[in-house]
Amino acid sequence: MADLKAAFEKAVADSKSLPERPDNQTLLKIYALYKQASAGDVEGKRPGFTDMVGRAKWDAWNELKGKDAKSAMKEYVDLIESLK
């Protein structure tokens, strides 16, 4: 798990310096995997329809409900690696 945590932290740092900006769908996936890995399942109410960005982020994170942190970290690392 320590190796995975280190790889995850490196991927988080790498995500800030990708060669090109990913499309919005990929950015939502990155956000959702990061949140699931670091905070667990989404909590709270879904943002209202006037907050489209917040709502999209909440929905993306909510789709990962029940995924354990280890799996989310691994998927996050793999996704960032594929974008380099």
N, C-alpha and C. Protein backbone atom coordinates (compact mmCIF):
# COMPACT_ATOMS: atom_id res chain seq x y z
N MET A 1 0.82 -1.21 0.00
CA MET A 1 0.00 0.00 0.00
C MET A 1 0.86 1.27 0.00
N ALA A 2 2.02 1.19 0.67
CA ALA A 2 2.90 2.36 0.71
C ALA A 2 3.40 2.71 -0.69
N ASP A 3 3.69 1.68 -1.49
CA ASP A 3 4.13 1.91 -2.87
C ASP A 3 3.03 2.57 -3.68
N LEU A 4 1.81 2.08 -3.49
CA LEU A 4 0.66 2.64 -4.21
C LEU A 4 0.44 4.09 -3.80
N LYS A 5 0.55 4.37 -2.51
CA LYS A 5 0.36 5.74 -2.00
C LYS A 5 1.41 6.67 -2.61
N ALA A 6 2.66 6.20 -2.68
CA ALA A 6 3.74 7.00 -3.27
C ALA A 6 3.48 7.23 -4.76
N ALA A 7 3.04 6.19 -5.46
CA ALA A 7 2.74 6.31 -6.89
C ALA A 7 1.58 7.28 -7.10
N PHE A 8 0.59 7.21 -6.20
CA PHE A 8 -0.57 8.11 -6.28
C PHE A 8 -0.13 9.56 -6.09
N GLU A 9 0.68 9.81 -5.08
CA GLU A 9 1.16 11.17 -4.82
C GLU A 9 2.00 11.71 -5.97
N LYS A 10 2.80 10.83 -6.59
CA LYS A 10 3.59 11.24 -7.76
C LYS A 10 2.65 11.57 -8.93
N ALA A 11 1.62 10.75 -9.11
CA ALA A 11 0.66 10.98 -10.19
C ALA A 11 -0.08 12.30 -9.98
N VAL A 12 -0.40 12.62 -8.73
CA VAL A 12 -1.07 13.90 -8.43
C VAL A 12 -0.16 15.05 -8.85
N ALA A 13 1.13 14.95 -8.52
CA ALA A 13 2.08 15.99 -8.92
C ALA A 13 2.21 16.04 -10.45
N ASP A 14 2.28 14.86 -11.07
CA ASP A 14 2.42 14.79 -12.53
C ASP A 14 1.19 15.36 -13.24
N SER A 15 0.03 15.23 -12.61
CA SER A 15 -1.21 15.69 -13.25
C SER A 15 -1.20 17.21 -13.46
N LYS A 16 -0.39 17.91 -12.70
CA LYS A 16 -0.33 19.36 -12.81
C LYS A 16 0.57 19.82 -13.96
N SER A 17 1.32 18.87 -14.54
CA SER A 17 2.23 19.25 -15.63
C SER A 17 2.11 18.30 -16.82
N LEU A 18 0.89 17.98 -17.18
CA LEU A 18 0.67 17.13 -18.35
C LEU A 18 1.02 17.91 -19.61
N PRO A 19 1.45 17.21 -20.67
CA PRO A 19 1.85 17.91 -21.89
C PRO A 19 0.71 18.73 -22.52
N GLU A 20 -0.51 18.23 -22.42
CA GLU A 20 -1.65 19.02 -22.90
C GLU A 20 -2.84 18.83 -21.98
N ARG A 21 -3.73 19.81 -21.99
CA ARG A 21 -4.90 19.78 -21.11
C ARG A 21 -5.87 18.71 -21.60
N PRO A 22 -6.26 17.77 -20.73
CA PRO A 22 -7.22 16.75 -21.13
C PRO A 22 -8.60 17.35 -21.40
N ASP A 23 -9.44 16.61 -22.13
CA ASP A 23 -10.80 17.09 -22.39
C ASP A 23 -11.60 17.05 -21.09
N ASN A 24 -12.75 17.71 -21.10
CA ASN A 24 -13.54 17.85 -19.88
C ASN A 24 -13.95 16.51 -19.27
N GLN A 25 -14.31 15.54 -20.10
CA GLN A 25 -14.72 14.23 -19.59
C GLN A 25 -13.56 13.57 -18.84
N THR A 26 -12.36 13.68 -19.37
CA THR A 26 -11.18 13.10 -18.72
C THR A 26 -10.86 13.86 -17.43
N LEU A 27 -11.00 15.18 -17.47
CA LEU A 27 -10.77 15.98 -16.25
C LEU A 27 -11.75 15.58 -15.15
N LEU A 28 -13.00 15.32 -15.50
CA LEU A 28 -13.97 14.87 -14.51
C LEU A 28 -13.58 13.52 -13.94
N LYS A 29 -13.09 12.63 -14.79
CA LYS A 29 -12.65 11.30 -14.34
C LYS A 29 -11.46 11.44 -13.37
N ILE A 30 -10.52 12.30 -13.72
CA ILE A 30 -9.36 12.55 -12.85
C ILE A 30 -9.84 13.07 -11.49
N TYR A 31 -10.72 14.05 -11.52
CA TYR A 31 -11.26 14.64 -10.29
C TYR A 31 -11.96 13.57 -9.44
N ALA A 32 -12.83 12.80 -10.07
CA ALA A 32 -13.62 11.81 -9.34
C ALA A 32 -12.73 10.74 -8.72
N LEU A 33 -11.76 10.26 -9.47
CA LEU A 33 -10.86 9.23 -8.94
C LEU A 33 -10.03 9.79 -7.78
N TYR A 34 -9.57 11.03 -7.93
CA TYR A 34 -8.80 11.66 -6.84
C TYR A 34 -9.64 11.76 -5.58
N LYS A 35 -10.86 12.27 -5.72
CA LYS A 35 -11.73 12.44 -4.56
C LYS A 35 -12.09 11.10 -3.92
N GLN A 36 -12.38 10.10 -4.75
CA GLN A 36 -12.74 8.78 -4.21
C GLN A 36 -11.55 8.18 -3.47
N ALA A 37 -10.35 8.34 -4.03
CA ALA A 37 -9.14 7.78 -3.41
C ALA A 37 -8.80 8.50 -2.11
N SER A 38 -9.01 9.82 -2.07
CA SER A 38 -8.58 10.59 -0.90
C SER A 38 -9.67 10.84 0.13
N ALA A 39 -10.95 10.85 -0.29
CA ALA A 39 -12.01 11.19 0.65
C ALA A 39 -13.10 10.12 0.78
N GLY A 40 -13.10 9.13 -0.11
CA GLY A 40 -14.14 8.10 -0.05
C GLY A 40 -15.38 8.54 -0.80
N ASP A 41 -16.50 7.90 -0.49
CA ASP A 41 -17.75 8.17 -1.19
C ASP A 41 -18.20 9.62 -1.03
N VAL A 42 -18.83 10.13 -2.08
CA VAL A 42 -19.36 11.48 -2.07
C VAL A 42 -20.43 11.61 -0.97
N GLU A 43 -20.46 12.76 -0.34
CA GLU A 43 -21.46 13.02 0.69
C GLU A 43 -22.12 14.35 0.38
N GLY A 44 -23.23 14.59 1.03
CA GLY A 44 -23.92 15.86 0.84
C GLY A 44 -24.88 15.80 -0.33
N LYS A 45 -25.57 16.91 -0.51
CA LYS A 45 -26.57 16.98 -1.57
C LYS A 45 -25.94 17.34 -2.90
N ARG A 46 -26.58 16.89 -3.96
CA ARG A 46 -26.15 17.22 -5.31
C ARG A 46 -26.39 18.72 -5.54
N PRO A 47 -25.39 19.43 -6.09
CA PRO A 47 -25.58 20.86 -6.35
C PRO A 47 -26.76 21.11 -7.29
N GLY A 48 -27.35 22.28 -7.17
CA GLY A 48 -28.49 22.64 -8.00
C GLY A 48 -28.11 22.83 -9.46
N PHE A 49 -29.13 22.94 -10.32
CA PHE A 49 -28.87 23.02 -11.76
C PHE A 49 -28.18 24.31 -12.17
N THR A 50 -28.15 25.31 -11.31
CA THR A 50 -27.45 26.56 -11.66
C THR A 50 -25.94 26.42 -11.50
N ASP A 51 -25.51 25.42 -10.73
CA ASP A 51 -24.07 25.16 -10.53
C ASP A 51 -23.68 23.97 -11.41
N MET A 52 -23.54 24.22 -12.71
CA MET A 52 -23.30 23.12 -13.65
C MET A 52 -21.96 22.42 -13.43
N VAL A 53 -20.93 23.18 -13.11
CA VAL A 53 -19.61 22.58 -12.88
C VAL A 53 -19.64 21.72 -11.62
N GLY A 54 -20.16 22.28 -10.53
CA GLY A 54 -20.26 21.53 -9.28
C GLY A 54 -21.11 20.28 -9.45
N ARG A 55 -22.16 20.39 -10.21
CA ARG A 55 -23.06 19.27 -10.45
C ARG A 55 -22.35 18.17 -11.25
N ALA A 56 -21.61 18.55 -12.28
CA ALA A 56 -20.88 17.58 -13.10
C ALA A 56 -19.82 16.86 -12.26
N LYS A 57 -19.12 17.62 -11.42
CA LYS A 57 -18.11 17.01 -10.54
C LYS A 57 -18.76 16.05 -9.56
N TRP A 58 -19.87 16.46 -8.96
CA TRP A 58 -20.58 15.63 -7.99
C TRP A 58 -21.05 14.34 -8.66
N ASP A 59 -21.62 14.46 -9.85
CA ASP A 59 -22.12 13.28 -10.58
C ASP A 59 -20.98 12.32 -10.91
N ALA A 60 -19.85 12.87 -11.38
CA ALA A 60 -18.70 12.02 -11.72
C ALA A 60 -18.20 11.27 -10.49
N TRP A 61 -18.11 11.97 -9.37
CA TRP A 61 -17.65 11.36 -8.12
C TRP A 61 -18.67 10.33 -7.63
N ASN A 62 -19.94 10.65 -7.74
CA ASN A 62 -21.00 9.77 -7.28
C ASN A 62 -21.02 8.45 -8.05
N GLU A 63 -20.60 8.47 -9.32
CA GLU A 63 -20.54 7.25 -10.12
C GLU A 63 -19.55 6.24 -9.55
N LEU A 64 -18.60 6.71 -8.75
CA LEU A 64 -17.59 5.81 -8.18
C LEU A 64 -17.95 5.33 -6.78
N LYS A 65 -19.16 5.64 -6.33
CA LYS A 65 -19.60 5.27 -4.99
C LYS A 65 -19.38 3.77 -4.75
N GLY A 66 -18.76 3.44 -3.64
CA GLY A 66 -18.51 2.05 -3.29
C GLY A 66 -17.14 1.54 -3.71
N LYS A 67 -16.46 2.26 -4.59
CA LYS A 67 -15.12 1.84 -5.02
C LYS A 67 -14.14 2.11 -3.88
N ASP A 68 -13.31 1.10 -3.56
CA ASP A 68 -12.37 1.29 -2.45
C ASP A 68 -11.23 2.21 -2.87
N ALA A 69 -10.59 2.81 -1.88
CA ALA A 69 -9.53 3.80 -2.12
C ALA A 69 -8.38 3.21 -2.92
N LYS A 70 -8.03 1.97 -2.64
CA LYS A 70 -6.91 1.32 -3.33
C LYS A 70 -7.17 1.24 -4.84
N SER A 71 -8.37 0.81 -5.21
CA SER A 71 -8.74 0.70 -6.64
C SER A 71 -8.75 2.08 -7.29
N ALA A 72 -9.30 3.06 -6.58
CA ALA A 72 -9.37 4.42 -7.13
C ALA A 72 -7.96 4.98 -7.33
N MET A 73 -7.06 4.73 -6.38
CA MET A 73 -5.68 5.20 -6.52
C MET A 73 -5.02 4.57 -7.74
N LYS A 74 -5.19 3.26 -7.89
CA LYS A 74 -4.58 2.55 -9.01
C LYS A 74 -5.11 3.08 -10.34
N GLU A 75 -6.42 3.26 -10.44
CA GLU A 75 -7.01 3.80 -11.67
C GLU A 75 -6.51 5.21 -11.95
N TYR A 76 -6.37 6.02 -10.90
CA TYR A 76 -5.88 7.39 -11.05
C TYR A 76 -4.46 7.38 -11.61
N VAL A 77 -3.60 6.56 -11.01
CA VAL A 77 -2.20 6.46 -11.45
C VAL A 77 -2.15 6.02 -12.92
N ASP A 78 -2.94 4.99 -13.27
CA ASP A 78 -2.95 4.49 -14.64
C ASP A 78 -3.43 5.55 -15.63
N LEU A 79 -4.46 6.29 -15.23
CA LEU A 79 -5.01 7.34 -16.11
C LEU A 79 -3.99 8.44 -16.34
N ILE A 80 -3.34 8.90 -15.29
CA ILE A 80 -2.33 9.97 -15.44
C ILE A 80 -1.17 9.47 -16.30
N GLU A 81 -0.75 8.24 -16.08
CA GLU A 81 0.35 7.67 -16.88
C GLU A 81 -0.03 7.65 -18.37
N SER A 82 -1.29 7.32 -18.66
CA SER A 82 -1.72 7.24 -20.05
C SER A 82 -1.79 8.62 -20.72
N LEU A 83 -1.86 9.68 -19.92
CA LEU A 83 -1.96 11.03 -20.46
C LEU A 83 -0.60 11.70 -20.66
N LYS A 84 0.45 11.09 -20.15
CA LYS A 84 1.80 11.70 -20.27
C LYS A 84 2.30 11.65 -21.70
